Amino acid sequence: MKTKYRVATDRYSGYEVQHKKWYYIFWVQTDFINTFPTLEDAIEFIKTLEKKDKKREVIYNHKN
């Protein structure tokens, strides 16, 4: 079971982290609410999630 992550732009602070479970077709916001002012902060958040569960696959996907 792998979870994929991506960073997307949001309308509040700049960036949000989204995830998609292997069995689900939609991307959803991780941890209900998360918003970051910089792309680097969002990527650091993904890295902390990765440390919690080594089975997770991390994908960085950013669209302007």
Protein backbone atom coordinates (compact mmCIF):
# COMPACT_ATOMS: atom_id res chain seq x y z
CA MET A 1 0.00 0.00 0.00
CA LYS A 2 1.63 3.17 -1.17
CA THR A 3 0.47 6.71 -0.75
CA LYS A 4 1.51 9.34 -3.27
CA TYR A 5 2.02 12.98 -2.33
CA ARG A 6 2.04 16.18 -4.30
CA VAL A 7 2.33 19.88 -3.61
CA ALA A 8 -0.39 22.05 -5.14
CA THR A 9 -1.00 25.77 -5.05
CA ASP A 10 -3.77 26.98 -2.79
CA ARG A 11 -5.56 30.29 -2.47
CA TYR A 12 -4.72 30.91 1.18
CA SER A 13 -0.99 30.88 1.87
CA GLY A 14 0.52 29.54 -1.33
CA TYR A 15 0.99 25.76 -1.20
CA GLU A 16 -0.76 22.72 0.22
CA VAL A 17 0.20 19.05 0.44
CA GLN A 18 -2.22 16.54 -1.06
CA HIS A 19 -2.18 12.76 -1.00
CA LYS A 20 -3.75 9.91 -2.90
CA LYS A 21 -4.13 6.37 -1.60
CA TRP A 22 -3.42 3.55 -4.05
CA TYR A 23 -7.08 2.48 -3.99
CA TYR A 24 -8.62 5.95 -4.38
CA ILE A 25 -8.86 8.01 -7.57
CA PHE A 26 -8.96 11.53 -6.05
CA TRP A 27 -6.25 13.72 -4.54
CA VAL A 28 -7.23 15.07 -1.09
CA GLN A 29 -5.63 17.55 1.27
CA THR A 30 -3.35 15.88 3.82
CA ASP A 31 -4.08 16.27 7.56
CA PHE A 32 -7.37 18.07 6.88
CA ILE A 33 -5.81 21.56 6.76
CA ASN A 34 -2.26 22.43 5.75
CA THR A 35 -0.95 25.48 4.00
CA PHE A 36 2.61 26.71 3.55
CA PRO A 37 4.06 30.01 2.35
CA THR A 38 6.89 28.37 0.38
CA LEU A 39 7.35 25.26 -1.73
CA GLU A 40 10.31 24.25 0.44
CA ASP A 41 8.14 24.26 3.58
CA ALA A 42 5.59 22.01 1.88
CA ILE A 43 8.31 19.59 0.80
CA GLU A 44 9.68 19.48 4.36
CA PHE A 45 6.19 18.57 5.56
CA ILE A 46 6.13 15.66 3.10
CA LYS A 47 9.51 14.53 4.39
CA THR A 48 8.18 14.43 7.96
CA LEU A 49 5.27 12.31 6.76
CA GLU A 50 7.72 10.01 4.98
CA LYS A 51 9.70 9.48 8.19
CA LYS A 52 6.53 8.38 9.98
CA ASP A 53 5.89 5.59 7.50
CA LYS A 54 8.70 4.19 5.38
CA LYS A 55 6.16 2.50 3.07
CA ARG A 56 4.98 5.82 1.62
CA GLU A 57 6.14 6.88 -1.81
CA VAL A 58 6.92 10.57 -2.12
CA ILE A 59 6.22 12.41 -5.35
CA TYR A 60 6.84 16.11 -5.80
CA ASN A 61 4.44 17.57 -8.30
CA HIS A 62 4.06 21.31 -8.58
CA LYS A 63 2.07 23.16 -11.21
CA ASN A 64 2.28 26.92 -11.67
